[in-house]
Amino acid sequence: MAKLVFGMNQSLDGYVDHMGFAPSPTLFRHFIEEARGQAGSVYGRRMYEIMRYWDDDHPEWDAERYAFAVAWRNQPKWIVSRSLESVGPNASLVGDNLEGAIRKLKAECDGDIEVAGPNVARSLTDLGLIDEYRIYLHPVVLGQGKPYFAGPRPRLRLLTHDRIGEDVIRLTYGPA
């Protein structure tokens, strides 16, 4: 049975913003390994559209960017959207029955399935389907943006914590 994991970079004041701060080389290598080991990813429309950047090669990329792109392209992706009519390679749209579709994925897959995007994570949290929350806490204060938790924070318990690189702490929580 798969484990549904919502993990994102977060500022000290609780915001996620892919333009506000970038991962260090050490953290980026960590994300490459995470992507290689995942059973797949569940995306909301907005986050999927941001991540589609990795579908095409870019001449300015270094070897690590190519490695992440390959890992990302190889994993199946399930896209939760009411407005998209089609999705890219190795991706499929989740229909109107979000709960049924995700329960089926969890039952049929083995390993971690990443949840990407605060809005889809909120929907899955409300349904009680997220098994782990991984906050990659950066020493940055943004003062605005999209909060990691798009709704009321669920009751959580700390499972583990570890340092990645010089300045990021990964906090792993499970539902209480």
N, C-alpha and C. Protein backbone atom coordinates (compact mmCIF):
# COMPACT_ATOMS: atom_id res chain seq x y z
N MET A 1 0.85 -1.19 0.00
CA MET A 1 0.00 0.00 0.00
C MET A 1 0.89 1.24 0.00
N ALA A 2 0.51 2.22 -0.77
CA ALA A 2 1.29 3.45 -0.89
C ALA A 2 1.03 4.39 0.28
N LYS A 3 2.00 5.26 0.48
CA LYS A 3 1.89 6.31 1.49
C LYS A 3 1.82 7.64 0.76
N LEU A 4 0.81 8.45 1.09
CA LEU A 4 0.64 9.77 0.48
C LEU A 4 1.40 10.80 1.31
N VAL A 5 2.33 11.52 0.66
CA VAL A 5 3.24 12.45 1.35
C VAL A 5 3.13 13.83 0.72
N PHE A 6 2.76 14.82 1.55
CA PHE A 6 2.76 16.21 1.10
C PHE A 6 4.02 16.87 1.63
N GLY A 7 4.92 17.23 0.73
CA GLY A 7 6.17 17.86 1.13
C GLY A 7 6.50 19.03 0.23
N MET A 8 6.86 20.14 0.85
CA MET A 8 7.23 21.33 0.08
C MET A 8 8.22 22.18 0.88
N ASN A 9 8.96 23.02 0.15
CA ASN A 9 9.79 24.03 0.78
C ASN A 9 8.88 25.06 1.43
N GLN A 10 9.27 25.51 2.62
CA GLN A 10 8.45 26.49 3.35
C GLN A 10 9.36 27.53 3.99
N SER A 11 8.90 28.76 3.98
CA SER A 11 9.61 29.84 4.67
C SER A 11 9.32 29.75 6.16
N LEU A 12 10.10 30.48 6.95
CA LEU A 12 9.89 30.49 8.40
C LEU A 12 8.49 30.98 8.78
N ASP A 13 7.93 31.87 7.94
CA ASP A 13 6.60 32.39 8.24
C ASP A 13 5.47 31.61 7.55
N GLY A 14 5.79 30.40 7.05
CA GLY A 14 4.73 29.48 6.62
C GLY A 14 4.33 29.51 5.16
N TYR A 15 5.10 30.16 4.30
CA TYR A 15 4.70 30.28 2.89
C TYR A 15 5.53 29.38 1.98
N VAL A 16 4.91 28.95 0.89
CA VAL A 16 5.59 28.23 -0.18
C VAL A 16 5.61 29.14 -1.40
N ASP A 17 6.76 29.24 -2.04
CA ASP A 17 6.88 30.11 -3.20
C ASP A 17 8.11 29.69 -3.97
N HIS A 18 7.89 29.04 -5.13
CA HIS A 18 9.03 28.54 -5.90
C HIS A 18 9.90 29.66 -6.44
N MET A 19 9.40 30.89 -6.45
CA MET A 19 10.19 32.03 -6.91
C MET A 19 10.83 32.79 -5.75
N GLY A 20 10.36 32.57 -4.54
CA GLY A 20 10.85 33.31 -3.37
C GLY A 20 12.18 32.83 -2.85
N PHE A 21 12.47 31.55 -3.03
CA PHE A 21 13.75 30.98 -2.62
C PHE A 21 13.93 29.65 -3.33
N ALA A 22 15.17 29.32 -3.59
CA ALA A 22 15.48 28.09 -4.33
C ALA A 22 16.24 27.13 -3.42
N PRO A 23 16.17 25.83 -3.72
CA PRO A 23 16.92 24.87 -2.91
C PRO A 23 18.42 25.00 -3.17
N SER A 24 19.21 24.75 -2.14
CA SER A 24 20.67 24.70 -2.28
C SER A 24 21.03 23.49 -3.14
N PRO A 25 22.27 23.42 -3.62
CA PRO A 25 22.68 22.22 -4.37
C PRO A 25 22.48 20.92 -3.58
N THR A 26 22.76 20.95 -2.28
CA THR A 26 22.58 19.76 -1.45
C THR A 26 21.11 19.35 -1.39
N LEU A 27 20.23 20.31 -1.18
CA LEU A 27 18.80 20.01 -1.12
C LEU A 27 18.28 19.57 -2.48
N PHE A 28 18.78 20.18 -3.55
CA PHE A 28 18.34 19.78 -4.88
C PHE A 28 18.72 18.32 -5.15
N ARG A 29 19.93 17.91 -4.75
CA ARG A 29 20.33 16.50 -4.90
C ARG A 29 19.40 15.59 -4.09
N HIS A 30 19.01 16.05 -2.91
CA HIS A 30 18.05 15.30 -2.09
C HIS A 30 16.73 15.12 -2.86
N PHE A 31 16.26 16.19 -3.50
CA PHE A 31 15.01 16.11 -4.26
C PHE A 31 15.13 15.18 -5.48
N ILE A 32 16.31 15.12 -6.09
CA ILE A 32 16.52 14.18 -7.19
C ILE A 32 16.32 12.76 -6.69
N GLU A 33 16.95 12.44 -5.56
CA GLU A 33 16.82 11.09 -5.00
C GLU A 33 15.38 10.79 -4.59
N GLU A 34 14.71 11.79 -4.02
CA GLU A 34 13.29 11.61 -3.66
C GLU A 34 12.47 11.29 -4.91
N ALA A 35 12.66 12.06 -5.97
CA ALA A 35 11.90 11.85 -7.21
C ALA A 35 12.18 10.47 -7.81
N ARG A 36 13.42 10.04 -7.74
CA ARG A 36 13.78 8.71 -8.27
C ARG A 36 13.08 7.59 -7.51
N GLY A 37 12.85 7.80 -6.22
CA GLY A 37 12.28 6.75 -5.40
C GLY A 37 10.77 6.77 -5.25
N GLN A 38 10.12 7.79 -5.76
CA GLN A 38 8.67 7.90 -5.58
C GLN A 38 7.91 6.99 -6.52
N ALA A 39 6.77 6.53 -6.05
CA ALA A 39 5.88 5.72 -6.87
C ALA A 39 5.10 6.59 -7.86
N GLY A 40 5.07 7.88 -7.61
CA GLY A 40 4.35 8.81 -8.48
C GLY A 40 4.04 10.09 -7.73
N SER A 41 3.32 10.97 -8.40
CA SER A 41 2.96 12.27 -7.81
C SER A 41 1.53 12.63 -8.14
N VAL A 42 0.86 13.26 -7.17
CA VAL A 42 -0.47 13.81 -7.36
C VAL A 42 -0.31 15.33 -7.35
N TYR A 43 -0.78 15.98 -8.41
CA TYR A 43 -0.64 17.42 -8.55
C TYR A 43 -1.99 18.09 -8.68
N GLY A 44 -2.08 19.29 -8.13
CA GLY A 44 -3.16 20.19 -8.48
C GLY A 44 -2.79 20.86 -9.80
N ARG A 45 -3.74 21.49 -10.44
CA ARG A 45 -3.49 22.09 -11.75
C ARG A 45 -2.36 23.10 -11.74
N ARG A 46 -2.39 24.05 -10.80
CA ARG A 46 -1.36 25.10 -10.80
C ARG A 46 0.04 24.54 -10.62
N MET A 47 0.21 23.65 -9.66
CA MET A 47 1.53 23.08 -9.42
C MET A 47 1.98 22.23 -10.62
N TYR A 48 1.05 21.51 -11.21
CA TYR A 48 1.40 20.72 -12.40
C TYR A 48 1.88 21.63 -13.52
N GLU A 49 1.19 22.73 -13.74
CA GLU A 49 1.60 23.64 -14.81
C GLU A 49 2.99 24.22 -14.54
N ILE A 50 3.32 24.47 -13.29
CA ILE A 50 4.68 24.93 -12.94
C ILE A 50 5.69 23.82 -13.22
N MET A 51 5.37 22.60 -12.83
CA MET A 51 6.30 21.49 -12.97
C MET A 51 6.46 21.01 -14.42
N ARG A 52 5.56 21.38 -15.29
CA ARG A 52 5.69 21.01 -16.71
C ARG A 52 6.97 21.57 -17.32
N TYR A 53 7.57 22.52 -16.65
CA TYR A 53 8.88 23.05 -17.05
C TYR A 53 9.87 21.90 -17.28
N TRP A 54 9.76 20.83 -16.49
CA TRP A 54 10.71 19.71 -16.56
C TRP A 54 10.43 18.77 -17.72
N ASP A 55 9.33 18.98 -18.46
CA ASP A 55 9.03 18.13 -19.62
C ASP A 55 9.99 18.36 -20.78
N ASP A 56 10.56 19.54 -20.88
CA ASP A 56 11.43 19.88 -22.00
C ASP A 56 12.84 20.17 -21.50
N ASP A 57 13.84 19.71 -22.27
CA ASP A 57 15.23 20.00 -21.94
C ASP A 57 15.52 21.49 -22.20
N HIS A 58 16.43 22.04 -21.40
CA HIS A 58 16.84 23.43 -21.55
C HIS A 58 18.36 23.47 -21.66
N PRO A 59 18.90 24.18 -22.64
CA PRO A 59 20.35 24.15 -22.85
C PRO A 59 21.18 24.67 -21.68
N GLU A 60 20.62 25.48 -20.82
CA GLU A 60 21.37 26.04 -19.69
C GLU A 60 21.45 25.08 -18.49
N TRP A 61 20.79 23.95 -18.56
CA TRP A 61 20.79 23.01 -17.44
C TRP A 61 22.15 22.37 -17.23
N ASP A 62 22.44 22.09 -15.96
CA ASP A 62 23.62 21.30 -15.61
C ASP A 62 23.18 19.83 -15.48
N ALA A 63 24.12 18.95 -15.13
CA ALA A 63 23.82 17.52 -15.04
C ALA A 63 22.74 17.22 -14.01
N GLU A 64 22.72 17.97 -12.91
CA GLU A 64 21.71 17.70 -11.88
C GLU A 64 20.32 18.08 -12.34
N ARG A 65 20.20 19.16 -13.09
CA ARG A 65 18.87 19.54 -13.62
C ARG A 65 18.36 18.46 -14.56
N TYR A 66 19.25 17.94 -15.42
CA TYR A 66 18.86 16.83 -16.30
C TYR A 66 18.45 15.61 -15.49
N ALA A 67 19.19 15.30 -14.43
CA ALA A 67 18.87 14.14 -13.60
C ALA A 67 17.49 14.29 -12.96
N PHE A 68 17.17 15.49 -12.47
CA PHE A 68 15.84 15.69 -11.89
C PHE A 68 14.78 15.54 -12.96
N ALA A 69 15.01 16.13 -14.13
CA ALA A 69 14.03 16.06 -15.21
C ALA A 69 13.74 14.62 -15.59
N VAL A 70 14.77 13.81 -15.70
CA VAL A 70 14.59 12.40 -16.06
C VAL A 70 13.78 11.68 -14.98
N ALA A 71 14.13 11.90 -13.72
CA ALA A 71 13.39 11.27 -12.62
C ALA A 71 11.93 11.71 -12.63
N TRP A 72 11.69 13.00 -12.84
CA TRP A 72 10.33 13.53 -12.85
C TRP A 72 9.54 12.97 -14.02
N ARG A 73 10.15 12.92 -15.19
CA ARG A 73 9.46 12.43 -16.39
C ARG A 73 9.10 10.95 -16.26
N ASN A 74 9.95 10.18 -15.57
CA ASN A 74 9.75 8.73 -15.48
C ASN A 74 8.62 8.31 -14.55
N GLN A 75 8.27 9.16 -13.60
CA GLN A 75 7.25 8.72 -12.65
C GLN A 75 5.85 9.07 -13.15
N PRO A 76 4.87 8.22 -12.83
CA PRO A 76 3.49 8.56 -13.19
C PRO A 76 3.00 9.75 -12.39
N LYS A 77 2.15 10.53 -13.04
CA LYS A 77 1.58 11.72 -12.40
C LYS A 77 0.06 11.69 -12.57
N TRP A 78 -0.63 12.01 -11.47
CA TRP A 78 -2.08 12.08 -11.50
C TRP A 78 -2.46 13.52 -11.21
N ILE A 79 -3.22 14.13 -12.12
CA ILE A 79 -3.50 15.56 -12.06
C ILE A 79 -4.95 15.78 -11.66
N VAL A 80 -5.13 16.54 -10.58
CA VAL A 80 -6.46 16.87 -10.08
C VAL A 80 -6.83 18.23 -10.66
N SER A 81 -7.79 18.24 -11.58
CA SER A 81 -8.18 19.49 -12.21
C SER A 81 -9.58 19.37 -12.81
N ARG A 82 -10.33 20.43 -12.67
CA ARG A 82 -11.64 20.49 -13.32
C ARG A 82 -11.56 21.24 -14.64
N SER A 83 -10.45 21.97 -14.86
CA SER A 83 -10.36 22.81 -16.05
C SER A 83 -9.46 22.25 -17.16
N LEU A 84 -8.49 21.42 -16.81
CA LEU A 84 -7.63 20.85 -17.85
C LEU A 84 -8.38 19.77 -18.62
N GLU A 85 -8.18 19.77 -19.93
CA GLU A 85 -8.80 18.74 -20.76
C GLU A 85 -7.80 17.67 -21.16
N SER A 86 -6.51 18.01 -21.10
CA SER A 86 -5.46 17.04 -21.41
C SER A 86 -4.23 17.36 -20.57
N VAL A 87 -3.36 16.37 -20.44
CA VAL A 87 -2.13 16.52 -19.67
C VAL A 87 -0.98 15.94 -20.49
N GLY A 88 0.23 16.18 -20.03
CA GLY A 88 1.42 15.77 -20.75
C GLY A 88 1.76 14.31 -20.60
N PRO A 89 2.98 13.96 -21.01
CA PRO A 89 3.42 12.57 -20.97
C PRO A 89 3.43 12.00 -19.56
N ASN A 90 3.10 10.72 -19.47
CA ASN A 90 3.14 9.97 -18.21
C ASN A 90 2.25 10.58 -17.14
N ALA A 91 1.18 11.24 -17.57
CA ALA A 91 0.25 11.89 -16.64
C ALA A 91 -1.17 11.54 -17.04
N SER A 92 -2.05 11.51 -16.03
CA SER A 92 -3.46 11.27 -16.30
C SER A 92 -4.30 12.16 -15.39
N LEU A 93 -5.47 12.49 -15.88
CA LEU A 93 -6.39 13.33 -15.12
C LEU A 93 -7.17 12.49 -14.12
N VAL A 94 -7.35 13.03 -12.93
CA VAL A 94 -8.19 12.40 -11.92
C VAL A 94 -9.60 12.92 -12.16
N GLY A 95 -10.55 12.03 -12.20
CA GLY A 95 -11.93 12.42 -12.45
C GLY A 95 -12.57 13.11 -11.26
N ASP A 96 -13.87 13.20 -11.29
CA ASP A 96 -14.62 13.92 -10.25
C ASP A 96 -14.57 13.23 -8.89
N ASN A 97 -14.32 11.93 -8.86
CA ASN A 97 -14.30 11.20 -7.60
C ASN A 97 -12.88 11.18 -7.04
N LEU A 98 -12.43 12.31 -6.47
CA LEU A 98 -11.08 12.43 -5.94
C LEU A 98 -10.80 11.38 -4.88
N GLU A 99 -11.70 11.25 -3.93
CA GLU A 99 -11.47 10.31 -2.84
C GLU A 99 -11.32 8.88 -3.36
N GLY A 100 -12.22 8.46 -4.22
CA GLY A 100 -12.16 7.11 -4.76
C GLY A 100 -10.89 6.87 -5.57
N ALA A 101 -10.51 7.85 -6.38
CA ALA A 101 -9.31 7.71 -7.22
C ALA A 101 -8.05 7.60 -6.36
N ILE A 102 -7.94 8.41 -5.32
CA ILE A 102 -6.74 8.40 -4.49
C ILE A 102 -6.72 7.15 -3.60
N ARG A 103 -7.85 6.74 -3.10
CA ARG A 103 -7.88 5.49 -2.32
C ARG A 103 -7.45 4.30 -3.19
N LYS A 104 -7.87 4.31 -4.44
CA LYS A 104 -7.48 3.24 -5.37
C LYS A 104 -5.97 3.29 -5.62
N LEU A 105 -5.41 4.49 -5.85
CA LEU A 105 -3.96 4.62 -6.03
C LEU A 105 -3.20 4.08 -4.83
N LYS A 106 -3.63 4.48 -3.65
CA LYS A 106 -2.96 4.03 -2.43
C LYS A 106 -3.01 2.51 -2.30
N ALA A 107 -4.12 1.91 -2.69
CA ALA A 107 -4.26 0.45 -2.58
C ALA A 107 -3.44 -0.29 -3.63
N GLU A 108 -3.29 0.29 -4.81
CA GLU A 108 -2.65 -0.41 -5.92
C GLU A 108 -1.15 -0.16 -6.05
N CYS A 109 -0.64 0.92 -5.47
CA CYS A 109 0.78 1.28 -5.60
C CYS A 109 1.53 0.93 -4.33
N ASP A 110 2.83 0.80 -4.47
CA ASP A 110 3.71 0.63 -3.33
C ASP A 110 4.68 1.79 -3.29
N GLY A 111 5.03 2.26 -2.10
CA GLY A 111 5.99 3.35 -1.96
C GLY A 111 5.31 4.68 -1.69
N ASP A 112 6.12 5.72 -1.75
CA ASP A 112 5.62 7.08 -1.50
C ASP A 112 5.02 7.68 -2.77
N ILE A 113 3.85 8.28 -2.61
CA ILE A 113 3.25 9.08 -3.67
C ILE A 113 3.27 10.52 -3.16
N GLU A 114 3.98 11.37 -3.89
CA GLU A 114 4.10 12.77 -3.52
C GLU A 114 2.78 13.50 -3.81
N VAL A 115 2.42 14.39 -2.91
CA VAL A 115 1.31 15.32 -3.14
C VAL A 115 1.95 16.68 -3.31
N ALA A 116 1.66 17.35 -4.42
CA ALA A 116 2.32 18.62 -4.71
C ALA A 116 1.28 19.72 -4.91
N GLY A 117 1.32 20.69 -4.02
CA GLY A 117 0.44 21.84 -4.11
C GLY A 117 -0.47 21.94 -2.90
N PRO A 118 -0.48 23.11 -2.26
CA PRO A 118 -1.28 23.29 -1.05
C PRO A 118 -2.77 23.07 -1.23
N ASN A 119 -3.32 23.42 -2.39
CA ASN A 119 -4.77 23.27 -2.56
C ASN A 119 -5.19 21.81 -2.65
N VAL A 120 -4.48 21.03 -3.46
CA VAL A 120 -4.82 19.61 -3.55
C VAL A 120 -4.52 18.92 -2.23
N ALA A 121 -3.46 19.36 -1.54
CA ALA A 121 -3.15 18.79 -0.22
C ALA A 121 -4.27 19.08 0.77
N ARG A 122 -4.86 20.26 0.69
CA ARG A 122 -5.98 20.56 1.60
C ARG A 122 -7.15 19.62 1.34
N SER A 123 -7.47 19.42 0.07
CA SER A 123 -8.58 18.51 -0.25
C SER A 123 -8.31 17.10 0.27
N LEU A 124 -7.07 16.64 0.09
CA LEU A 124 -6.72 15.29 0.54
C LEU A 124 -6.63 15.21 2.06
N THR A 125 -6.20 16.31 2.70
CA THR A 125 -6.19 16.36 4.17
C THR A 125 -7.61 16.29 4.70
N ASP A 126 -8.52 17.05 4.10
CA ASP A 126 -9.92 17.05 4.52
C ASP A 126 -10.53 15.65 4.42
N LEU A 127 -10.04 14.85 3.46
CA LEU A 127 -10.52 13.49 3.27
C LEU A 127 -9.78 12.48 4.15
N GLY A 128 -8.79 12.95 4.90
CA GLY A 128 -8.02 12.07 5.77
C GLY A 128 -7.09 11.13 5.03
N LEU A 129 -6.60 11.54 3.85
CA LEU A 129 -5.82 10.64 3.02
C LEU A 129 -4.31 10.87 3.06
N ILE A 130 -3.85 11.99 3.61
CA ILE A 130 -2.40 12.23 3.65
C ILE A 130 -1.81 11.53 4.87
N ASP A 131 -0.74 10.77 4.61
CA ASP A 131 -0.09 9.99 5.65
C ASP A 131 1.08 10.72 6.29
N GLU A 132 1.72 11.61 5.54
CA GLU A 132 2.87 12.36 6.06
C GLU A 132 2.91 13.75 5.48
N TYR A 133 3.39 14.67 6.29
CA TYR A 133 3.63 16.05 5.87
C TYR A 133 5.12 16.31 6.07
N ARG A 134 5.81 16.68 5.01
CA ARG A 134 7.24 16.99 5.10
C ARG A 134 7.44 18.46 4.80
N ILE A 135 7.84 19.17 5.82
CA ILE A 135 8.10 20.60 5.68
C ILE A 135 9.61 20.78 5.59
N TYR A 136 10.06 21.33 4.49
CA TYR A 136 11.47 21.68 4.31
C TYR A 136 11.60 23.14 4.69
N LEU A 137 11.98 23.38 5.93
CA LEU A 137 11.96 24.72 6.51
C LEU A 137 13.25 25.48 6.17
N HIS A 138 13.08 26.61 5.48
CA HIS A 138 14.19 27.46 5.04
C HIS A 138 14.27 28.70 5.92
N PRO A 139 15.48 29.23 6.16
CA PRO A 139 15.63 30.44 6.97
C PRO A 139 15.35 31.70 6.16
N VAL A 140 14.13 31.79 5.66
CA VAL A 140 13.69 32.90 4.82
C VAL A 140 12.35 33.38 5.34
N VAL A 141 12.14 34.67 5.37
CA VAL A 141 10.84 35.24 5.73
C VAL A 141 10.31 35.94 4.48
N LEU A 142 9.16 35.49 3.99
CA LEU A 142 8.57 36.06 2.78
C LEU A 142 7.55 37.15 3.07
N GLY A 143 6.81 37.02 4.16
CA GLY A 143 5.81 38.02 4.50
C GLY A 143 4.52 37.95 3.71
N GLN A 144 4.48 37.10 2.70
CA GLN A 144 3.27 36.94 1.89
C GLN A 144 3.43 35.73 0.99
N GLY A 145 2.34 35.34 0.38
CA GLY A 145 2.39 34.23 -0.56
C GLY A 145 1.35 33.18 -0.25
N LYS A 146 1.57 32.00 -0.77
CA LYS A 146 0.67 30.87 -0.60
C LYS A 146 1.11 30.10 0.64
N PRO A 147 0.22 29.94 1.63
CA PRO A 147 0.61 29.19 2.83
C PRO A 147 0.74 27.70 2.54
N TYR A 148 1.65 27.06 3.26
CA TYR A 148 1.84 25.61 3.15
C TYR A 148 0.51 24.90 3.41
N PHE A 149 -0.17 25.27 4.47
CA PHE A 149 -1.50 24.73 4.76
C PHE A 149 -2.54 25.68 4.20
N ALA A 150 -3.27 25.22 3.18
CA ALA A 150 -4.25 26.07 2.51
C ALA A 150 -5.56 26.19 3.30
N GLY A 151 -5.63 25.54 4.43
CA GLY A 151 -6.81 25.60 5.28
C GLY A 151 -6.39 25.37 6.71
N PRO A 152 -7.33 25.06 7.57
CA PRO A 152 -6.98 24.80 8.96
C PRO A 152 -5.95 23.67 9.05
N ARG A 153 -4.94 23.88 9.88
CA ARG A 153 -3.89 22.87 10.04
C ARG A 153 -4.47 21.67 10.77
N PRO A 154 -4.25 20.49 10.22
CA PRO A 154 -4.74 19.29 10.91
C PRO A 154 -3.92 19.03 12.17
N ARG A 155 -4.47 18.25 13.09
CA ARG A 155 -3.70 17.85 14.28
C ARG A 155 -2.59 16.92 13.81
N LEU A 156 -1.36 17.27 14.18
CA LEU A 156 -0.20 16.52 13.72
C LEU A 156 0.67 16.10 14.89
N ARG A 157 1.52 15.10 14.64
CA ARG A 157 2.54 14.70 15.62
C ARG A 157 3.85 14.58 14.87
N LEU A 158 4.91 15.05 15.51
CA LEU A 158 6.24 15.02 14.90
C LEU A 158 6.73 13.58 14.83
N LEU A 159 7.14 13.15 13.64
CA LEU A 159 7.67 11.80 13.45
C LEU A 159 9.20 11.83 13.45
N THR A 160 9.78 12.73 12.67
CA THR A 160 11.24 12.86 12.60
C THR A 160 11.60 14.29 12.23
N HIS A 161 12.88 14.58 12.41
CA HIS A 161 13.42 15.85 11.92
C HIS A 161 14.87 15.60 11.56
N ASP A 162 15.33 16.25 10.51
CA ASP A 162 16.73 16.14 10.13
C ASP A 162 17.16 17.39 9.38
N ARG A 163 18.45 17.58 9.36
CA ARG A 163 19.03 18.74 8.69
C ARG A 163 19.50 18.30 7.32
N ILE A 164 19.20 19.12 6.32
CA ILE A 164 19.65 18.85 4.96
C ILE A 164 20.47 20.06 4.51
N GLY A 165 21.73 19.83 4.30
CA GLY A 165 22.62 20.93 3.95
C GLY A 165 22.87 21.80 5.16
N GLU A 166 23.26 23.03 4.89
CA GLU A 166 23.64 23.94 5.97
C GLU A 166 22.48 24.63 6.65
N ASP A 167 21.35 24.81 5.95
CA ASP A 167 20.34 25.68 6.53
C ASP A 167 18.90 25.21 6.41
N VAL A 168 18.65 23.98 5.98
CA VAL A 168 17.27 23.50 5.84
C VAL A 168 17.03 22.38 6.84
N ILE A 169 15.91 22.46 7.51
CA ILE A 169 15.48 21.40 8.42
C ILE A 169 14.22 20.77 7.83
N ARG A 170 14.26 19.44 7.68
CA ARG A 170 13.06 18.72 7.23
C ARG A 170 12.34 18.23 8.48
N LEU A 171 11.09 18.67 8.62
CA LEU A 171 10.22 18.24 9.71
C LEU A 171 9.19 17.30 9.11
N THR A 172 9.11 16.09 9.64
CA THR A 172 8.15 15.11 9.13
C THR A 172 7.09 14.86 10.19
N TYR A 173 5.86 15.12 9.81
CA TYR A 173 4.71 14.97 10.71
C TYR A 173 3.74 13.93 10.15
N GLY A 174 3.03 13.30 11.04
CA GLY A 174 1.93 12.42 10.68
C GLY A 174 0.66 12.91 11.33
N PRO A 175 -0.48 12.49 10.85
CA PRO A 175 -1.73 12.86 11.52
C PRO A 175 -1.74 12.37 12.96
N ALA A 176 -2.24 13.19 13.86
CA ALA A 176 -2.27 12.84 15.29
C ALA A 176 -3.40 11.87 15.56
